[in-house]
Protein backbone atom coordinates (compact mmCIF):
# COMPACT_ATOMS: atom_id res chain seq x y z
CA UNK A 1 5.29 -5.24 8.92
CA UNK A 2 1.57 -4.78 8.95
CA UNK A 3 -0.40 -3.02 6.25
CA UNK A 4 -4.07 -2.30 6.12
CA UNK A 5 -5.55 -1.63 2.64
CA UNK A 6 -8.62 0.57 3.12
CA UNK A 7 -11.32 1.76 0.78
CA UNK A 8 -14.59 3.68 1.28
CA UNK A 9 -17.83 4.45 -0.46
CA UNK A 10 -19.69 7.68 0.16
CA UNK A 11 -22.99 9.56 -0.52
CA UNK A 12 -21.16 12.05 -2.78
CA UNK A 13 -17.87 13.54 -3.65
CA UNK A 14 -17.55 16.58 -1.33
CA UNK A 15 -17.23 16.07 2.41
CA UNK A 16 -17.47 19.88 2.89
CA UNK A 17 -20.96 19.66 1.49
CA UNK A 18 -22.09 17.29 4.24
CA UNK A 19 -21.57 14.01 2.28
CA UNK A 20 -21.03 10.94 4.45
CA UNK A 21 -19.44 7.51 4.47
CA UNK A 22 -21.65 4.58 3.63
CA UNK A 23 -19.11 1.71 3.44
CA UNK A 24 -15.64 0.90 4.75
CA UNK A 25 -13.65 -2.10 3.64
CA UNK A 26 -10.20 -3.15 4.96
CA UNK A 27 -7.83 -5.95 4.09
CA UNK A 28 -4.79 -6.93 6.29
CA UNK A 29 -1.36 -7.76 4.91
CA UNK A 30 1.41 -8.97 7.13
CA UNK A 31 5.00 -9.25 5.73
CA UNK A 32 3.62 -8.70 2.21
CA UNK A 33 1.09 -11.52 2.51
CA UNK A 34 -2.68 -10.98 2.42
CA UNK A 35 -4.22 -12.54 5.53
CA UNK A 36 -7.85 -13.69 5.97
CA UNK A 37 -8.52 -10.79 8.40
CA UNK A 38 -10.87 -8.11 7.12
CA UNK A 39 -13.11 -5.28 8.46
CA UNK A 40 -16.17 -4.46 6.54
CA UNK A 41 -19.25 -2.33 7.36
CA UNK A 42 -22.12 -0.66 5.61
CA UNK A 43 -23.40 2.50 7.33
CA UNK A 44 -26.52 4.65 7.67
CA UNK A 45 -25.39 7.99 6.35
CA UNK A 46 -28.41 9.81 7.83
CA UNK A 47 -28.95 11.56 4.49
CA UNK A 48 -29.88 10.92 0.85
CA UNK A 49 -27.21 9.64 -1.60
CA UNK A 50 -26.43 11.50 -4.81
CA UNK A 51 -27.68 9.85 -7.92
CA UNK A 52 -24.19 9.85 -9.44
CA UNK A 53 -22.80 8.12 -6.41
CA UNK A 54 -25.46 5.41 -6.59
CA UNK A 55 -24.55 4.74 -10.18
CA UNK A 56 -20.98 3.98 -9.06
CA UNK A 57 -21.69 1.77 -6.02
CA UNK A 58 -25.42 0.81 -6.51
CA UNK A 59 -26.50 1.72 -2.95
CA UNK A 60 -29.48 3.88 -1.92
CA UNK A 61 -30.41 5.39 1.38
CA UNK A 62 -33.43 3.18 1.66
CA UNK A 63 -31.13 0.16 1.64
CA UNK A 64 -28.94 1.70 4.40
CA UNK A 65 -31.47 3.17 6.80
CA UNK A 66 -31.31 0.12 9.07
CA UNK A 67 -27.51 -0.03 9.14
CA UNK A 68 -25.38 1.16 12.06
CA UNK A 69 -24.08 4.67 12.46
CA UNK A 70 -20.39 5.35 12.16
CA UNK A 71 -20.20 6.00 15.89
CA UNK A 72 -21.45 2.45 16.45
CA UNK A 73 -18.53 0.85 14.57
CA UNK A 74 -15.76 3.47 15.22
CA UNK A 75 -14.02 1.37 17.92
CA UNK A 76 -13.91 -1.62 15.66
CA UNK A 77 -12.31 0.36 12.86
CA UNK A 78 -9.78 1.92 15.19
CA UNK A 79 -8.79 -1.48 16.62
CA UNK A 80 -8.28 -2.87 13.15
CA UNK A 81 -6.06 -0.10 11.90
CA UNK A 82 -4.27 0.52 15.20
CA UNK A 83 -0.50 0.86 14.62
CA UNK A 84 -0.71 -0.35 11.03
CA UNK A 85 0.59 1.40 7.88
CA UNK A 86 -2.69 2.20 6.02
CA UNK A 87 -2.68 2.26 2.28
CA UNK A 88 -5.49 4.14 0.45
CA UNK A 89 -5.83 4.86 -3.28
CA UNK A 90 -6.34 8.70 -3.39
CA UNK A 91 -5.84 8.89 0.33
CA UNK A 92 -6.77 12.50 0.88
CA UNK A 93 -10.28 11.86 -0.41
CA UNK A 94 -11.02 8.92 2.07
CA UNK A 95 -9.03 10.57 4.85
CA UNK A 96 -11.25 13.70 4.63
CA UNK A 97 -14.36 11.59 5.13
CA UNK A 98 -12.85 9.44 7.90
CA UNK A 99 -11.66 12.56 9.83
CA UNK A 100 -15.12 14.17 9.57
CA UNK A 101 -16.86 10.97 10.84
CA UNK A 102 -14.31 10.54 13.66
CA UNK A 103 -14.83 14.25 14.66
CA UNK A 104 -18.62 13.74 14.80
CA UNK A 105 -17.97 10.76 17.12
CA UNK A 106 -15.79 12.92 19.41
CA UNK A 107 -12.61 11.10 18.35
CA UNK A 108 -9.14 12.24 17.11
CA UNK A 109 -8.23 12.38 13.37
CA UNK A 110 -7.62 9.15 11.54
CA UNK A 111 -3.74 9.60 11.54
CA UNK A 112 -3.84 9.37 15.37
CA UNK A 113 -4.58 5.68 15.09
CA UNK A 114 -2.31 4.31 12.31
CA UNK A 115 1.45 4.43 12.13
CA UNK A 116 1.48 5.94 8.65
CA UNK A 117 -0.83 6.80 5.84
CA UNK A 118 0.36 5.89 2.29
CA UNK A 119 -1.29 7.12 -0.87
CA UNK A 120 -1.00 4.36 -3.52
CA UNK A 121 -2.21 6.75 -6.18
CA UNK A 122 0.76 9.11 -5.58
CA UNK A 123 3.06 6.04 -5.70
CA UNK A 124 1.51 4.92 -8.98
CA UNK A 125 2.02 8.33 -10.47
CA UNK A 126 5.69 8.35 -9.64
CA UNK A 127 6.03 4.89 -11.23
CA UNK A 128 3.90 5.60 -14.28
CA UNK A 129 4.01 9.30 -15.01
CA UNK A 130 1.58 10.56 -17.71
CA UNK A 131 -0.47 7.31 -17.65
CA UNK A 132 -3.90 6.37 -16.26
CA UNK A 133 -3.50 5.28 -12.62
CA UNK A 134 -7.03 4.41 -11.54
CA UNK A 135 -7.40 1.12 -9.71
CA UNK A 136 -8.95 -0.42 -12.87
CA UNK A 137 -5.95 0.82 -14.99
CA UNK A 138 -3.44 -0.54 -12.52
CA UNK A 139 -5.20 -3.93 -12.43
CA UNK A 140 -4.91 -4.12 -16.22
CA UNK A 141 -1.26 -2.99 -16.10
CA UNK A 142 -0.22 -5.60 -13.50
CA UNK A 143 -2.42 -8.38 -14.82
CA UNK A 144 -4.80 -8.53 -11.86
CA UNK A 145 -8.24 -9.90 -12.73
CA UNK A 146 -11.02 -7.48 -11.98
CA UNK A 147 -13.70 -8.59 -14.52
CA UNK A 148 -16.02 -9.27 -11.48
CA UNK A 149 -15.92 -5.58 -10.50
CA UNK A 150 -19.12 -4.30 -12.10
CA UNK A 151 -19.84 -1.85 -9.33
CA UNK A 152 -17.45 -0.34 -6.81
CA UNK A 153 -17.55 -1.90 -3.39
CA UNK A 154 -15.26 -1.07 -0.51
CA UNK A 155 -14.16 -4.62 0.47
CA UNK A 156 -13.64 -5.73 -3.16
CA UNK A 157 -11.73 -2.55 -4.01
CA UNK A 158 -9.57 -2.94 -0.81
CA UNK A 159 -8.65 -6.50 -2.01
CA UNK A 160 -7.79 -5.28 -5.49
CA UNK A 161 -5.72 -2.47 -3.96
CA UNK A 162 -3.84 -5.03 -1.86
CA UNK A 163 -2.88 -7.06 -4.99
CA UNK A 164 -1.99 -3.91 -6.93
CA UNK A 165 0.10 -2.38 -4.17
CA UNK A 166 1.99 -5.65 -3.61
CA UNK A 167 2.66 -5.73 -7.38
CA UNK A 168 3.83 -2.05 -7.42
CA UNK A 169 6.25 -2.56 -4.45
CA UNK A 170 7.51 -6.02 -5.45
CA UNK A 171 11.16 -4.91 -5.28
CA UNK A 172 10.82 -4.37 -1.53
CA UNK A 173 10.68 -8.14 -0.94
CA UNK A 174 14.48 -8.12 -0.83
CA UNK A 175 14.37 -6.11 2.30
CA UNK A 176 12.46 -8.83 4.17
CA UNK A 177 15.23 -11.42 4.57
CA UNK A 178 14.67 -13.02 7.91
CA UNK A 179 17.04 -12.63 10.78
CA UNK A 180 17.91 -16.41 10.48
CA UNK A 181 18.91 -16.09 6.76
CA UNK A 182 20.83 -12.87 7.65
CA UNK A 183 22.81 -14.73 10.31
CA UNK A 184 23.52 -17.61 7.98
CA UNK A 185 24.69 -15.16 5.27
CA UNK A 186 27.15 -13.59 7.68
CA UNK A 187 28.50 -16.99 8.74
CA UNK A 188 28.91 -18.49 5.25
CA UNK A 189 29.80 -15.30 3.28
CA UNK A 190 26.72 -15.96 1.07
CA UNK A 191 23.90 -13.48 0.84
CA UNK A 192 20.51 -15.03 -0.10
CA UNK A 193 18.24 -12.57 -2.01
CA UNK A 194 14.47 -13.14 -1.98
CA UNK A 195 14.69 -13.56 -5.76
CA UNK A 196 16.58 -16.87 -5.29
CA UNK A 197 19.84 -15.49 -6.59
CA UNK A 198 23.03 -16.40 -4.61
CA UNK A 199 25.63 -13.62 -4.32
CA UNK A 200 29.02 -15.09 -3.36
CA UNK A 201 31.54 -12.77 -1.73
CA UNK A 202 35.07 -12.52 -3.19
CA UNK A 203 37.78 -14.36 -1.29
CA UNK A 204 41.19 -12.92 -0.44
CA UNK A 205 42.88 -14.21 -3.63
CA UNK A 206 40.14 -12.76 -5.82
CA UNK A 207 40.32 -9.40 -3.99
CA UNK A 208 44.15 -9.28 -4.55
CA UNK A 209 43.67 -10.03 -8.23
CA UNK A 210 41.07 -7.34 -8.48
CA UNK A 211 43.42 -4.77 -6.86
CA UNK A 212 46.15 -5.82 -9.30
CA UNK A 213 43.78 -5.28 -12.27
CA UNK A 214 43.00 -1.74 -10.92
CA UNK A 215 46.72 -0.92 -10.63
CA UNK A 216 47.28 -2.02 -14.20
CA UNK A 217 44.47 0.23 -15.38
CA UNK A 218 46.12 3.05 -13.44
CA UNK A 219 49.43 2.27 -15.25
CA UNK A 220 47.92 2.07 -18.73
CA UNK A 221 45.73 5.20 -18.32
CA UNK A 222 48.42 7.34 -16.72
CA UNK A 223 46.54 7.59 -13.41
CA UNK A 224 43.21 8.65 -14.95
CA UNK A 225 41.14 5.74 -13.49
CA UNK A 226 37.71 7.02 -12.49
CA UNK A 227 36.56 4.23 -10.26
CA UNK A 228 37.23 3.62 -7.41
CA UNK A 229 38.31 7.20 -6.96
CA UNK A 230 41.86 7.42 -5.69
CA UNK A 231 42.40 10.13 -3.03
């Protein structure tokens, strides 16, 4: 299972007003482990940056005029996300900017290159309804250190997102039992959970005793046993 955590910075909030990407940061996770593979670029947006946006990420157009255009790095981005499940916090915002840049470069929309696009913000809202679910709030909730995050940065935020999303989906680790462990479990009758607990299956004698207990409950209750339902 390969995830790519992706974050962007932009010249402003509204892609429909011609705002552009200025930074893309990606972190790779394989089988719920953060790897050392990253993708990170800063871009020349070919336009001024809104003052409010500069206050968020600290970048100005003068600092970016000598950076590559999106079309120069598009192939590298596509290769990095190819076939992965891409996780973005508030995905529709970033996807809108990515799609517009890809369109300018004569390429297909972003979803054409990844296997799936997951919005971690929507997932957080399902887990924590009525609470703040910004990346900063989630870092605090899950005990992830982000004191070093003075300004927003795409690569730093992608790394924090990776740690947050792994914490939010921790229960899915039980689904990643290896084939070797699964084969061993079938042979021994013991299922090994990723939490370290051992679940021992009942033997024939124990199953017969259980069935006898159910029959006794049936007798005492006058046949009104609710579980397991008797046809």
